[in-house]
Amino acid sequence: MRRALRLTAIVVVLVVGVAPAIAAPGNGNGPKPRYFVDETTLPFEALPGATAYWGVHKGAGYRIEVPDNWNGSLVMWAHGFMGTGLELTVGNHPLRDFLIPSGYAWAASSYTRNDYDITVGVQDTHALATRFNGIVGRPDRIYMTGASMGGHITAVSIEQYPRFYDGAMPICGVLGDYELFDYFLDFNVAAQQLGVGDSVFPVGSDYLTVTVPEIKASLEATPGGWPNVLNADGQNLKNLTELRSGGDRPNFDEAWFFWNTFPEFATGPGNFLFDLGAQDGTLARSPGVAVDNTDVTYQFDTDSALSADEQSFNDEVVRVEADPQARAGNGLAQVPKVDGDPGVPVLTLHNLGDLFVPFHNEVIFGHEVAANGKSDLVVQRAIRGVGHCDFTAFELVTAFVDLVAWVEAGVRPTGDDVTNPAAVAAADFGCAFTNDPDDQHLLAAPCP
């Protein structure tokens, strides 16, 4: 296994450009969309020494690849958010160049609908894994892997089907479920309150064209200084965002600069986080507004005691309460919650500077796992960089190899203590598992 790792030369970088914003969709009212699979896009060429399969199963497109020397293990792949279009698409597992030569089969589903719909991702991935039995044969072990929204799907899958999967690797995952969308709300109401002295939700139609430019101008210390040359209120927004996105940690300064400067989603470069706040708070399968900040105490520093400015801010910022049924724990009926109660080994990866699906998701997951007495089944690793799902091939392959050794030989790998604020704030946090040859990571803070 280790020899195969050394011989593998692949590059896997899943950056923000391939992952549009995931807070956009509505709640599913009205006529159902007519999703479709273009079957001409499904065929793909197998790697040497492997066989490729493709087709449509229960309305979802799929791809499967099996090496001739199959070792009996199947690795499922759950893709991230693909937008709200009608065409259903499926790609290859990002680790296929390692998996196939190493004897692993893999399979990936398009799901039967787009949107941020975790339920169909969980169900369709499970259906494909079951279908694999009839196409290839029954695997000895099944590993569940996924990125971003697919990380949410991965975490829910192993809880919904506790005896079906043998190990899981959610990367850059939405492991805090609704907390992700609360974070989008946090940034935008805080920016409004600090920038223009008032905050509203939902925002008006001129939010991005009128209010956001006013916010930026009022928070910069000099004209054109946003996002790096900030006045006191601007620095308070930056500090608040750091604390709400994962706590005091290395690589946040680079993240703040990047996410407020370059990524382009709706209204142009530099507005990415503001664009995420221009939604109505509803999600697929959510009966009403699903975001909530009624229980949040906002802070500008790490001192738990509220300063006069912090108290004033908390008193004045708009409070949004989720509709009563929007977060009901109804299994797969709505947006499924991640309970942090796995029954199999789980190894996660997350970028410290990801402000799209921020590191806060790992912190929440770590605390939930600990509360359930399952910390012995979870290992979490922090990676330095600001991209969304920006990992090197070495980092991903090493993590998967370590997961396999854990599942098959009982060798629990090492990880980072993400629930300890002092550890997270340390200058060397995120260095232990970051492998960044030739500066492959976007704006990775150098390790001491």
Foldseek 3Di string as FASTA:
>chain_A
DVVLLVPFDAWDFDFCVQAAAQLADFAPPDDDAQAAEPVVQFDDDADPQKDKDWDADPQKTKIKIFGVQAPQEEEEEQEHARDQDRYFDWDDDRLNSSQRVVRYMYMYISFNGGHLALLSSLVVSVVVLVVCCVVPRHGPAYEYEYEASSLLSQLLNCVVVVPHHAEYEYELYLLQQQLLLLLLVVLQLLLQCLQVVAGDPPDDPCCVPPVVVSSQCRFAPDVVRPPPRGDPSSLLSLQQSQCSQQAQAPQQVVLRCQQQAADDHPPGGRCRSVVSSNHRQRGYLFPWHQHWDPPDQTDSDDPPDHDPVSVVCVVHGDTDDTDPRRPDQPRSNGRHHRQLDGPHAYEYEYECSASSSGPVSVLVSCVSVVVNVNNVRYAYAYAFANTRRGATSSLVVVRVVQRCCCSPVVDHDHHFDSNDNVRRNDQQGNVPRYDQPPNSGHSGDDGD
